[in-house]
Amino acid sequence: MTSGRLHVSTRTRNRLIAAATIVVAGGVAWLVRSKRPQPPQPAPAPPRIGYSRNGSAPTPLAGAAVENGH
């Protein structure tokens, strides 16, 4: 064990400071991105409007959507 201060070169100290700065900036960017409000869920699709052959409203019968043998 040494009672004195460890000798760290200026180059090593600058690299450690740069690495710590990059880590802190990445953490802040991640935190900001995770706190960003999420877009709302898309609205459900509106009901489909069918076309009738005789001009009246479409009827919800089971065979109404089936073509007549064509």
PDB file of N, CA and C in Angstrom:
ATOM      1  N   MET A   1       0.838  -1.174   0.000  1.00  0.00           N
ATOM      2  CA  MET A   1       0.000   0.000   0.000  1.00  0.00           C
ATOM      3  C   MET A   1       0.885   1.239   0.000  1.00  0.00           C
ATOM      4  N   THR A   2       0.495   2.167  -0.782  1.00  0.00           N
ATOM      5  CA  THR A   2       1.245   3.410  -0.819  1.00  0.00           C
ATOM      6  C   THR A   2       0.453   4.479  -0.091  1.00  0.00           C
ATOM      7  N   SER A   3       1.162   5.298   0.615  1.00  0.00           N
ATOM      8  CA  SER A   3       0.489   6.373   1.331  1.00  0.00           C
ATOM      9  C   SER A   3       0.408   7.634   0.474  1.00  0.00           C
ATOM     10  N   GLY A   4       1.182   7.647  -0.596  1.00  0.00           N
ATOM     11  CA  GLY A   4       1.173   8.804  -1.476  1.00  0.00           C
ATOM     12  C   GLY A   4       0.142   8.653  -2.597  1.00  0.00           C
ATOM     13  N   ARG A   5       0.017   9.695  -3.373  1.00  0.00           N
ATOM     14  CA  ARG A   5      -0.932   9.705  -4.487  1.00  0.00           C
ATOM     15  C   ARG A   5      -0.346   8.916  -5.656  1.00  0.00           C
ATOM     16  N   LEU A   6      -1.213   8.149  -6.339  1.00  0.00           N
ATOM     17  CA  LEU A   6      -0.743   7.404  -7.497  1.00  0.00           C
ATOM     18  C   LEU A   6      -0.458   8.374  -8.627  1.00  0.00           C
ATOM     19  N   HIS A   7       0.599   8.100  -9.378  1.00  0.00           N
ATOM     20  CA  HIS A   7       0.952   8.971 -10.489  1.00  0.00           C
ATOM     21  C   HIS A   7       0.218   8.503 -11.740  1.00  0.00           C
ATOM     22  N   VAL A   8      -0.606   9.396 -12.287  1.00  0.00           N
ATOM     23  CA  VAL A   8      -1.336   9.119 -13.516  1.00  0.00           C
ATOM     24  C   VAL A   8      -0.904  10.176 -14.518  1.00  0.00           C
ATOM     25  N   SER A   9      -0.519   9.719 -15.683  1.00  0.00           N
ATOM     26  CA  SER A   9      -0.046  10.667 -16.676  1.00  0.00           C
ATOM     27  C   SER A   9      -1.211  11.535 -17.171  1.00  0.00           C
ATOM     28  N   THR A  10      -0.855  12.660 -17.733  1.00  0.00           N
ATOM     29  CA  THR A  10      -1.859  13.587 -18.244  1.00  0.00           C
ATOM     30  C   THR A  10      -2.652  12.955 -19.381  1.00  0.00           C
ATOM     31  N   ARG A  11      -1.976  12.209 -20.208  1.00  0.00           N
ATOM     32  CA  ARG A  11      -2.651  11.557 -21.331  1.00  0.00           C
ATOM     33  C   ARG A  11      -3.696  10.560 -20.836  1.00  0.00           C
ATOM     34  N   THR A  12      -3.340   9.739 -19.842  1.00  0.00           N
ATOM     35  CA  THR A  12      -4.277   8.760 -19.287  1.00  0.00           C
ATOM     36  C   THR A  12      -5.446   9.465 -18.608  1.00  0.00           C
ATOM     37  N   ARG A  13      -5.137  10.534 -17.865  1.00  0.00           N
ATOM     38  CA  ARG A  13      -6.202  11.272 -17.188  1.00  0.00           C
ATOM     39  C   ARG A  13      -7.165  11.876 -18.206  1.00  0.00           C
ATOM     40  N   ASN A  14      -6.661  12.431 -19.291  1.00  0.00           N
ATOM     41  CA  ASN A  14      -7.518  13.009 -20.324  1.00  0.00           C
ATOM     42  C   ASN A  14      -8.379  11.935 -20.995  1.00  0.00           C
ATOM     43  N   ARG A  15      -7.812  10.763 -21.225  1.00  0.00           N
ATOM     44  CA  ARG A  15      -8.585   9.670 -21.818  1.00  0.00           C
ATOM     45  C   ARG A  15      -9.697   9.208 -20.876  1.00  0.00           C
ATOM     46  N   LEU A  16      -9.400   9.132 -19.587  1.00  0.00           N
ATOM     47  CA  LEU A  16     -10.425   8.750 -18.619  1.00  0.00           C
ATOM     48  C   LEU A  16     -11.540   9.787 -18.562  1.00  0.00           C
ATOM     49  N   ILE A  17     -11.179  11.046 -18.603  1.00  0.00           N
ATOM     50  CA  ILE A  17     -12.181  12.118 -18.593  1.00  0.00           C
ATOM     51  C   ILE A  17     -13.033  12.044 -19.853  1.00  0.00           C
ATOM     52  N   ALA A  18     -12.408  11.813 -21.008  1.00  0.00           N
ATOM     53  CA  ALA A  18     -13.155  11.713 -22.265  1.00  0.00           C
ATOM     54  C   ALA A  18     -14.094  10.510 -22.239  1.00  0.00           C
ATOM     55  N   ALA A  19     -13.628   9.379 -21.738  1.00  0.00           N
ATOM     56  CA  ALA A  19     -14.470   8.188 -21.671  1.00  0.00           C
ATOM     57  C   ALA A  19     -15.645   8.414 -20.723  1.00  0.00           C
ATOM     58  N   ALA A  20     -15.386   9.031 -19.592  1.00  0.00           N
ATOM     59  CA  ALA A  20     -16.466   9.311 -18.642  1.00  0.00           C
ATOM     60  C   ALA A  20     -17.475  10.278 -19.235  1.00  0.00           C
ATOM     61  N   THR A  21     -17.009  11.255 -19.982  1.00  0.00           N
ATOM     62  CA  THR A  21     -17.915  12.214 -20.622  1.00  0.00           C
ATOM     63  C   THR A  21     -18.803  11.512 -21.641  1.00  0.00           C
ATOM     64  N   ILE A  22     -18.237  10.603 -22.423  1.00  0.00           N
ATOM     65  CA  ILE A  22     -19.016   9.867 -23.419  1.00  0.00           C
ATOM     66  C   ILE A  22     -20.056   8.980 -22.738  1.00  0.00           C
ATOM     67  N   VAL A  23     -19.675   8.325 -21.649  1.00  0.00           N
ATOM     68  CA  VAL A  23     -20.610   7.462 -20.922  1.00  0.00           C
ATOM     69  C   VAL A  23     -21.751   8.287 -20.339  1.00  0.00           C
ATOM     70  N   VAL A  24     -21.437   9.431 -19.763  1.00  0.00           N
ATOM     71  CA  VAL A  24     -22.480  10.284 -19.189  1.00  0.00           C
ATOM     72  C   VAL A  24     -23.405  10.806 -20.288  1.00  0.00           C
ATOM     73  N   ALA A  25     -22.847  11.227 -21.422  1.00  0.00           N
ATOM     74  CA  ALA A  25     -23.671  11.729 -22.528  1.00  0.00           C
ATOM     75  C   ALA A  25     -24.583  10.625 -23.062  1.00  0.00           C
ATOM     76  N   GLY A  26     -24.078   9.413 -23.172  1.00  0.00           N
ATOM     77  CA  GLY A  26     -24.905   8.296 -23.621  1.00  0.00           C
ATOM     78  C   GLY A  26     -26.027   7.995 -22.640  1.00  0.00           C
ATOM     79  N   GLY A  27     -25.723   8.048 -21.356  1.00  0.00           N
ATOM     80  CA  GLY A  27     -26.755   7.819 -20.347  1.00  0.00           C
ATOM     81  C   GLY A  27     -27.837   8.886 -20.384  1.00  0.00           C
ATOM     82  N   VAL A  28     -27.440  10.136 -20.558  1.00  0.00           N
ATOM     83  CA  VAL A  28     -28.415  11.222 -20.637  1.00  0.00           C
ATOM     84  C   VAL A  28     -29.271  11.067 -21.890  1.00  0.00           C
ATOM     85  N   ALA A  29     -28.658  10.714 -23.014  1.00  0.00           N
ATOM     86  CA  ALA A  29     -29.420  10.531 -24.249  1.00  0.00           C
ATOM     87  C   ALA A  29     -30.413   9.382 -24.105  1.00  0.00           C
ATOM     88  N   TRP A  30     -30.007   8.292 -23.473  1.00  0.00           N
ATOM     89  CA  TRP A  30     -30.911   7.171 -23.257  1.00  0.00           C
ATOM     90  C   TRP A  30     -32.064   7.571 -22.347  1.00  0.00           C
ATOM     91  N   LEU A  31     -31.764   8.328 -21.295  1.00  0.00           N
ATOM     92  CA  LEU A  31     -32.802   8.758 -20.364  1.00  0.00           C
ATOM     93  C   LEU A  31     -33.804   9.682 -21.050  1.00  0.00           C
ATOM     94  N   VAL A  32     -33.323  10.605 -21.865  1.00  0.00           N
ATOM     95  CA  VAL A  32     -34.216  11.521 -22.573  1.00  0.00           C
ATOM     96  C   VAL A  32     -35.086  10.738 -23.549  1.00  0.00           C
ATOM     97  N   ARG A  33     -34.498   9.790 -24.250  1.00  0.00           N
ATOM     98  CA  ARG A  33     -35.271   9.005 -25.221  1.00  0.00           C
ATOM     99  C   ARG A  33     -36.316   8.141 -24.535  1.00  0.00           C
ATOM    100  N   SER A  34     -35.992   7.582 -23.385  1.00  0.00           N
ATOM    101  CA  SER A  34     -36.952   6.717 -22.699  1.00  0.00           C
ATOM    102  C   SER A  34     -38.084   7.522 -22.072  1.00  0.00           C
ATOM    103  N   LYS A  35     -37.873   8.784 -21.793  1.00  0.00           N
ATOM    104  CA  LYS A  35     -38.908   9.623 -21.190  1.00  0.00           C
ATOM    105  C   LYS A  35     -39.767  10.322 -22.233  1.00  0.00           C
ATOM    106  N   ARG A  36     -39.435  10.188 -23.503  1.00  0.00           N
ATOM    107  CA  ARG A  36     -40.195  10.865 -24.553  1.00  0.00           C
ATOM    108  C   ARG A  36     -41.606  10.290 -24.597  1.00  0.00           C
ATOM    109  N   PRO A  37     -42.636  11.132 -24.747  1.00  0.00           N
ATOM    110  CA  PRO A  37     -44.002  10.597 -24.782  1.00  0.00           C
ATOM    111  C   PRO A  37     -44.217   9.722 -26.022  1.00  0.00           C
ATOM    112  N   GLN A  38     -44.927   8.642 -25.814  1.00  0.00           N
ATOM    113  CA  GLN A  38     -45.186   7.708 -26.894  1.00  0.00           C
ATOM    114  C   GLN A  38     -46.388   8.188 -27.703  1.00  0.00           C
ATOM    115  N   PRO A  39     -46.397   7.935 -29.018  1.00  0.00           N
ATOM    116  CA  PRO A  39     -47.560   8.342 -29.824  1.00  0.00           C
ATOM    117  C   PRO A  39     -48.783   7.536 -29.422  1.00  0.00           C
ATOM    118  N   PRO A  40     -49.973   8.106 -29.582  1.00  0.00           N
ATOM    119  CA  PRO A  40     -51.186   7.370 -29.207  1.00  0.00           C
ATOM    120  C   PRO A  40     -51.416   6.171 -30.123  1.00  0.00           C
ATOM    121  N   GLN A  41     -52.167   5.224 -29.609  1.00  0.00           N
ATOM    122  CA  GLN A  41     -52.496   4.045 -30.409  1.00  0.00           C
ATOM    123  C   GLN A  41     -53.366   4.461 -31.585  1.00  0.00           C
ATOM    124  N   PRO A  42     -53.216   3.813 -32.742  1.00  0.00           N
ATOM    125  CA  PRO A  42     -54.050   4.178 -33.889  1.00  0.00           C
ATOM    126  C   PRO A  42     -55.520   3.876 -33.600  1.00  0.00           C
ATOM    127  N   ALA A  43     -56.375   4.679 -34.180  1.00  0.00           N
ATOM    128  CA  ALA A  43     -57.813   4.496 -33.995  1.00  0.00           C
ATOM    129  C   ALA A  43     -58.260   3.221 -34.699  1.00  0.00           C
ATOM    130  N   PRO A  44     -59.292   2.577 -34.184  1.00  0.00           N
ATOM    131  CA  PRO A  44     -59.782   1.372 -34.869  1.00  0.00           C
ATOM    132  C   PRO A  44     -60.330   1.728 -36.243  1.00  0.00           C
ATOM    133  N   ALA A  45     -60.272   0.763 -37.130  1.00  0.00           N
ATOM    134  CA  ALA A  45     -60.736   0.990 -38.502  1.00  0.00           C
ATOM    135  C   ALA A  45     -62.240   1.252 -38.499  1.00  0.00           C
ATOM    136  N   PRO A  46     -62.677   2.201 -39.301  1.00  0.00           N
ATOM    137  CA  PRO A  46     -64.119   2.461 -39.367  1.00  0.00           C
ATOM    138  C   PRO A  46     -64.831   1.282 -40.028  1.00  0.00           C
ATOM    139  N   PRO A  47     -66.126   1.144 -39.779  1.00  0.00           N
ATOM    140  CA  PRO A  47     -66.837   0.024 -40.402  1.00  0.00           C
ATOM    141  C   PRO A  47     -66.877   0.180 -41.917  1.00  0.00           C
ATOM    142  N   ARG A  48     -66.779  -0.933 -42.599  1.00  0.00           N
ATOM    143  CA  ARG A  48     -66.817  -0.902 -44.059  1.00  0.00           C
ATOM    144  C   ARG A  48     -68.246  -0.670 -44.529  1.00  0.00           C
ATOM    145  N   ILE A  49     -68.352   0.112 -45.561  1.00  0.00           N
ATOM    146  CA  ILE A  49     -69.657   0.386 -46.139  1.00  0.00           C
ATOM    147  C   ILE A  49     -69.760  -0.415 -47.426  1.00  0.00           C
ATOM    148  N   GLY A  50     -70.759  -1.289 -47.481  1.00  0.00           N
ATOM    149  CA  GLY A  50     -70.927  -2.132 -48.655  1.00  0.00           C
ATOM    150  C   GLY A  50     -71.783  -1.451 -49.711  1.00  0.00           C
ATOM    151  N   TYR A  51     -71.757  -2.002 -50.885  1.00  0.00           N
ATOM    152  CA  TYR A  51     -72.564  -1.497 -51.988  1.00  0.00           C
ATOM    153  C   TYR A  51     -73.733  -2.445 -52.206  1.00  0.00           C
ATOM    154  N   SER A  52     -74.894  -1.894 -52.369  1.00  0.00           N
ATOM    155  CA  SER A  52     -76.059  -2.733 -52.628  1.00  0.00           C
ATOM    156  C   SER A  52     -76.362  -2.715 -54.121  1.00  0.00           C
ATOM    157  N   ARG A  53     -77.042  -3.734 -54.583  1.00  0.00           N
ATOM    158  CA  ARG A  53     -77.350  -3.828 -56.010  1.00  0.00           C
ATOM    159  C   ARG A  53     -78.642  -3.104 -56.370  1.00  0.00           C
ATOM    160  N   ASN A  54     -79.504  -2.901 -55.382  1.00  0.00           N
ATOM    161  CA  ASN A  54     -80.781  -2.282 -55.697  1.00  0.00           C
ATOM    162  C   ASN A  54     -80.914  -0.857 -55.136  1.00  0.00           C
ATOM    163  N   GLY A  55     -79.867  -0.298 -54.582  1.00  0.00           N
ATOM    164  CA  GLY A  55     -79.903   1.061 -54.075  1.00  0.00           C
ATOM    165  C   GLY A  55     -80.323   1.189 -52.631  1.00  0.00           C
ATOM    166  N   SER A  56     -80.741   0.120 -52.001  1.00  0.00           N
ATOM    167  CA  SER A  56     -81.126   0.194 -50.589  1.00  0.00           C
ATOM    168  C   SER A  56     -79.907  -0.109 -49.721  1.00  0.00           C
ATOM    169  N   ALA A  57     -80.078  -0.009 -48.426  1.00  0.00           N
ATOM    170  CA  ALA A  57     -78.986  -0.274 -47.492  1.00  0.00           C
ATOM    171  C   ALA A  57     -78.591  -1.747 -47.560  1.00  0.00           C
ATOM    172  N   PRO A  58     -77.320  -2.055 -47.378  1.00  0.00           N
ATOM    173  CA  PRO A  58     -76.893  -3.460 -47.422  1.00  0.00           C
ATOM    174  C   PRO A  58     -77.471  -4.238 -46.257  1.00  0.00           C
ATOM    175  N   THR A  59     -77.767  -5.496 -46.493  1.00  0.00           N
ATOM    176  CA  THR A  59     -78.319  -6.357 -45.449  1.00  0.00           C
ATOM    177  C   THR A  59     -77.226  -7.266 -44.928  1.00  0.00           C
ATOM    178  N   PRO A  60     -77.156  -7.462 -43.633  1.00  0.00           N
ATOM    179  CA  PRO A  60     -76.110  -8.319 -43.051  1.00  0.00           C
ATOM    180  C   PRO A  60     -76.467  -9.792 -43.077  1.00  0.00           C
ATOM    181  N   LEU A  61     -76.921 -10.322 -44.202  1.00  0.00           N
ATOM    182  CA  LEU A  61     -77.237 -11.737 -44.310  1.00  0.00           C
ATOM    183  C   LEU A  61     -75.960 -12.541 -44.526  1.00  0.00           C
ATOM    184  N   ALA A  62     -76.015 -13.820 -44.191  1.00  0.00           N
ATOM    185  CA  ALA A  62     -74.833 -14.663 -44.275  1.00  0.00           C
ATOM    186  C   ALA A  62     -74.355 -14.825 -45.714  1.00  0.00           C
ATOM    187  N   GLY A  63     -75.245 -14.929 -46.684  1.00  0.00           N
ATOM    188  CA  GLY A  63     -74.849 -15.147 -48.058  1.00  0.00           C
ATOM    189  C   GLY A  63     -74.828 -13.893 -48.890  1.00  0.00           C
ATOM    190  N   ALA A  64     -74.953 -12.720 -48.272  1.00  0.00           N
ATOM    191  CA  ALA A  64     -75.051 -11.482 -49.027  1.00  0.00           C
ATOM    192  C   ALA A  64     -73.755 -11.145 -49.750  1.00  0.00           C
ATOM    193  N   ALA A  65     -72.614 -11.539 -49.213  1.00  0.00           N
ATOM    194  CA  ALA A  65     -71.337 -11.179 -49.817  1.00  0.00           C
ATOM    195  C   ALA A  65     -70.878 -12.184 -50.861  1.00  0.00           C
ATOM    196  N   VAL A  66     -71.578 -13.283 -51.025  1.00  0.00           N
ATOM    197  CA  VAL A  66     -71.160 -14.322 -51.950  1.00  0.00           C
ATOM    198  C   VAL A  66     -71.704 -14.024 -53.336  1.00  0.00           C
ATOM    199  N   GLU A  67     -70.861 -14.167 -54.341  1.00  0.00           N
ATOM    200  CA  GLU A  67     -71.287 -13.957 -55.732  1.00  0.00           C
ATOM    201  C   GLU A  67     -72.198 -15.110 -56.163  1.00  0.00           C
ATOM    202  N   ASN A  68     -73.020 -14.869 -57.137  1.00  0.00           N
ATOM    203  CA  ASN A  68     -73.945 -15.883 -57.617  1.00  0.00           C
ATOM    204  C   ASN A  68     -73.308 -16.771 -58.691  1.00  0.00           C
ATOM    205  N   GLY A  69     -72.383 -17.608 -58.284  1.00  0.00           N
ATOM    206  CA  GLY A  69     -71.798 -18.598 -59.182  1.00  0.00           C
ATOM    207  C   GLY A  69     -70.818 -18.047 -60.207  1.00  0.00           C
ATOM    208  N   HIS A  70     -70.398 -16.837 -60.111  1.00  0.00           N
ATOM    209  CA  HIS A  70     -69.494 -16.266 -61.112  1.00  0.00           C
ATOM    210  C   HIS A  70     -68.100 -16.280 -60.613  1.00  0.00           C
TER     211      HIS A  70
END
